[in-house]
Protein backbone atom coordinates (compact mmCIF):
# COMPACT_ATOMS: atom_id res chain seq x y z
CA UNK A 1 -9.07 7.13 -16.28
CA UNK A 2 -8.36 6.55 -12.68
CA UNK A 3 -6.49 8.95 -10.39
CA UNK A 4 -4.72 7.55 -7.28
CA UNK A 5 -3.23 9.80 -4.59
CA UNK A 6 -1.46 8.48 -1.57
CA UNK A 7 -0.14 10.23 1.60
CA UNK A 8 1.35 9.48 4.98
CA UNK A 9 5.00 8.43 4.36
CA UNK A 10 7.85 9.66 6.44
CA UNK A 11 10.80 8.79 8.58
CA UNK A 12 10.30 6.51 11.60
CA UNK A 13 12.58 4.47 13.96
CA UNK A 14 12.67 0.74 13.88
CA UNK A 15 9.76 -0.69 15.99
CA UNK A 16 7.58 2.32 15.16
CA UNK A 17 4.40 2.75 13.16
CA UNK A 18 3.10 4.80 10.17
CA UNK A 19 -0.22 4.88 8.56
CA UNK A 20 -0.49 5.38 4.74
CA UNK A 21 -3.77 6.71 3.13
CA UNK A 22 -4.91 6.70 -0.42
CA UNK A 23 -7.84 7.84 -2.34
CA UNK A 24 -8.76 6.65 -5.83
CA UNK A 25 -11.09 8.55 -8.12
CA UNK A 26 -12.39 8.65 -11.61
CA UNK A 27 -13.66 5.71 -13.61
CA UNK A 28 -13.54 3.15 -10.75
CA UNK A 29 -16.03 0.74 -12.38
CA UNK A 30 -14.54 -2.68 -12.41
CA UNK A 31 -11.54 -1.80 -10.21
CA UNK A 32 -12.31 -4.48 -7.59
CA UNK A 33 -9.11 -4.32 -5.58
CA UNK A 34 -7.03 -1.67 -3.98
CA UNK A 35 -3.61 -2.22 -2.69
CA UNK A 36 -0.09 -1.16 -1.79
CA UNK A 37 3.14 -2.08 -3.62
CA UNK A 38 6.65 -1.02 -2.65
CA UNK A 39 10.07 -0.82 -4.21
CA UNK A 40 13.22 -0.47 -2.39
CA UNK A 41 16.53 0.67 -4.10
CA UNK A 42 17.87 -2.14 -6.27
CA UNK A 43 14.83 -4.39 -5.74
CA UNK A 44 11.85 -5.02 -7.96
CA UNK A 45 8.39 -3.72 -7.01
CA UNK A 46 6.42 -6.07 -4.85
CA UNK A 47 2.81 -6.35 -3.66
CA UNK A 48 2.67 -5.67 0.01
CA UNK A 49 -1.12 -5.92 0.57
CA UNK A 50 -4.44 -5.80 -1.23
CA UNK A 51 -8.09 -5.77 -0.33
CA UNK A 52 -11.11 -6.28 -2.66
CA UNK A 53 -14.53 -4.59 -2.30
CA UNK A 54 -15.70 -7.76 -0.46
CA UNK A 55 -12.99 -7.29 2.19
CA UNK A 56 -10.78 -10.21 1.04
CA UNK A 57 -7.14 -9.42 1.83
CA UNK A 58 -3.73 -10.58 0.67
CA UNK A 59 -0.49 -9.89 2.59
CA UNK A 60 3.16 -10.55 1.52
CA UNK A 61 4.75 -13.12 3.94
CA UNK A 62 7.22 -10.29 5.09
CA UNK A 63 4.55 -8.07 6.47
CA UNK A 64 2.06 -10.57 7.84
CA UNK A 65 1.17 -9.76 11.40
CA UNK A 66 2.72 -6.38 11.19
CA UNK A 67 0.80 -4.50 8.52
CA UNK A 68 -3.01 -4.11 8.28
CA UNK A 69 -4.81 -3.00 5.14
CA UNK A 70 -8.31 -1.55 5.41
CA UNK A 71 -10.81 0.08 2.98
CA UNK A 72 -13.69 2.42 2.86
CA UNK A 73 -15.20 2.42 -0.60
CA UNK A 74 -12.45 3.94 -2.81
CA UNK A 75 -10.17 4.92 0.23
CA UNK A 76 -7.56 2.51 1.36
CA UNK A 77 -5.22 2.51 4.41
CA UNK A 78 -2.13 0.64 5.40
CA UNK A 79 -1.43 0.57 8.98
CA UNK A 80 2.36 -0.47 9.53
CA UNK A 81 3.44 -1.51 12.95
CA UNK A 82 6.66 -2.99 14.24
CA UNK A 83 8.50 -1.30 11.23
CA UNK A 84 11.87 -2.72 10.28
CA UNK A 85 14.66 -1.09 8.28
CA UNK A 86 13.94 -3.63 5.61
CA UNK A 87 10.52 -1.99 5.07
CA UNK A 88 12.24 1.10 3.80
CA UNK A 89 10.91 1.84 0.29
CA UNK A 90 8.81 3.81 -1.95
CA UNK A 91 5.19 2.75 -1.28
CA UNK A 92 2.69 2.92 -4.18
CA UNK A 93 -1.10 2.91 -3.82
CA UNK A 94 -2.61 0.96 -6.64
CA UNK A 95 -6.04 -0.24 -7.86
CA UNK A 96 -6.96 -3.01 -10.32
CA UNK A 97 -9.41 -5.50 -11.58
CA UNK A 98 -7.81 -8.39 -9.78
CA UNK A 99 -6.44 -8.99 -6.27
CA UNK A 100 -2.92 -8.02 -7.68
CA UNK A 101 -4.44 -4.42 -7.92
CA UNK A 102 -1.85 -3.23 -10.49
CA UNK A 103 -3.88 -1.44 -13.17
CA UNK A 104 -3.44 2.11 -11.84
CA UNK A 105 -0.68 3.46 -9.71
CA UNK A 106 -0.15 6.62 -7.53
CA UNK A 107 2.95 8.74 -7.60
CA UNK A 108 4.46 6.96 -4.58
CA UNK A 109 5.37 7.96 -0.99
CA UNK A 110 8.68 7.38 0.71
CA UNK A 111 8.85 5.37 3.90
CA UNK A 112 12.12 5.31 5.68
CA UNK A 113 12.79 3.24 8.80
CA UNK A 114 15.93 3.98 10.68
CA UNK A 115 17.81 1.38 12.84
């Protein structure tokens, strides 16, 4: 079993920044990637960014150039800059066997960007 706990959400004005943090623990053998998914009201969950143990990264087109994912062993961070109201969502930290990082999920943290 893998336990995932994220933190760092909150309310920020458009153009501002937030940093999300997440720690995964437990049976992490085989969990190659860690990532961040998000879900806005009325929308499906989407993969925002992921990073493998080798440092390979994936970013959704909507966040490229604004968000940066980084990792230190089983801790992952998401630096979010130039935030837009469209970034408002519940952000979930995840880990998984592939770059999609979707096998285990945290409880989610709310990010709200006001215009």
